Protein backbone atom coordinates (compact mmCIF):
# COMPACT_ATOMS: atom_id res chain seq x y z
CA UNK A 1 -2.02 -20.58 3.88
CA UNK A 2 -0.89 -18.19 1.06
CA UNK A 3 1.65 -19.31 -1.47
CA UNK A 4 4.95 -17.54 -1.92
CA UNK A 5 3.50 -15.87 -5.03
CA UNK A 6 0.44 -14.61 -3.29
CA UNK A 7 2.52 -13.23 -0.38
CA UNK A 8 4.70 -11.37 -2.87
CA UNK A 9 1.76 -9.88 -4.66
CA UNK A 10 0.27 -8.68 -1.28
CA UNK A 11 3.64 -7.27 -0.21
CA UNK A 12 4.20 -5.50 -3.60
CA UNK A 13 0.63 -4.03 -3.49
CA UNK A 14 1.13 -2.71 -0.02
CA UNK A 15 4.50 -1.14 -0.79
CA UNK A 16 2.84 0.67 -3.70
CA UNK A 17 -0.11 1.83 -1.58
CA UNK A 18 2.35 3.15 0.99
CA UNK A 19 4.30 5.03 -1.73
CA UNK A 20 1.17 6.57 -3.25
CA UNK A 21 -0.03 7.61 0.26
CA UNK A 22 3.33 9.22 1.26
CA UNK A 23 3.38 11.07 -2.11
CA UNK A 24 0.50 13.11 -1.01
CA UNK A 25 1.96 13.55 2.36
CA UNK A 26 -0.56 11.56 4.37
CA UNK A 27 -0.05 9.24 7.28
CA UNK A 28 -1.89 5.93 7.72
CA UNK A 29 -3.97 7.64 10.31
CA UNK A 30 -5.09 10.45 7.83
CA UNK A 31 -5.86 7.77 5.16
CA UNK A 32 -7.81 5.70 7.71
CA UNK A 33 -9.84 8.70 8.91
CA UNK A 34 -10.58 9.92 5.34
CA UNK A 35 -11.50 6.53 4.05
CA UNK A 36 -13.27 4.96 7.10
CA UNK A 37 -10.98 1.98 7.03
CA UNK A 38 -9.28 1.10 10.40
CA UNK A 39 -5.58 2.22 10.48
CA UNK A 40 -4.54 -1.24 11.85
CA UNK A 41 -6.06 -2.91 8.75
CA UNK A 42 -4.35 -0.24 6.42
CA UNK A 43 -0.98 -1.00 8.32
CA UNK A 44 -1.47 -4.74 7.58
CA UNK A 45 -2.20 -4.15 3.96
CA UNK A 46 0.88 -2.02 3.51
CA UNK A 47 3.00 -4.60 5.26
CA UNK A 48 1.59 -7.44 2.91
CA UNK A 49 -0.32 -9.14 5.61
CA UNK A 50 -3.75 -8.98 4.26
CA UNK A 51 -5.16 -9.72 0.93
CA UNK A 52 -7.31 -6.61 0.55
CA UNK A 53 -10.80 -6.87 -0.92
CA UNK A 54 -11.74 -5.19 -4.15
CA UNK A 55 -14.31 -2.83 -2.47
CA UNK A 56 -11.45 -1.64 -0.16
CA UNK A 57 -9.15 -1.04 -3.18
CA UNK A 58 -11.86 1.04 -4.69
CA UNK A 59 -12.48 2.96 -1.42
CA UNK A 60 -8.83 3.71 -0.85
CA UNK A 61 -8.26 4.68 -4.56
CA UNK A 62 -11.21 7.24 -4.34
CA UNK A 63 -9.98 8.63 -1.02
CA UNK A 64 -6.35 9.07 -2.53
CA UNK A 65 -7.94 10.58 -5.60
CA UNK A 66 -6.52 7.85 -8.01
CA UNK A 67 -8.10 5.25 -10.06
CA UNK A 68 -8.23 1.62 -8.75
CA UNK A 69 -6.21 0.85 -11.72
CA UNK A 70 -3.29 3.15 -10.42
CA UNK A 71 -3.31 1.09 -7.17
CA UNK A 72 -2.66 -2.06 -9.16
CA UNK A 73 0.31 -0.64 -11.00
CA UNK A 74 2.90 -2.32 -8.99
CA UNK A 75 5.84 -4.23 -10.38
CA UNK A 76 5.96 -7.94 -9.83
CA UNK A 77 9.11 -10.01 -9.88
CA UNK A 78 9.66 -12.44 -12.90
CA UNK A 79 7.63 -15.67 -12.42
CA UNK A 80 4.90 -14.11 -10.52
CA UNK A 81 1.80 -14.14 -12.42
């Protein structure tokens, strides 16, 4: 079971991923097709339901044309490490 802090991090990451995806006008389906990652998995990541693996972060970043660092630039609430 995840802690509240872990859940918050997953949610914030997913929201940031969705924002970046939408900025380039892509649907989840398009990102799934281009990256080779299942759309249902991407949907779960964007909703904060999954703790995404580093290899998938790198794959998604490459597909979106951003650095993995850019995917990690989401704002955390105070108190979340």
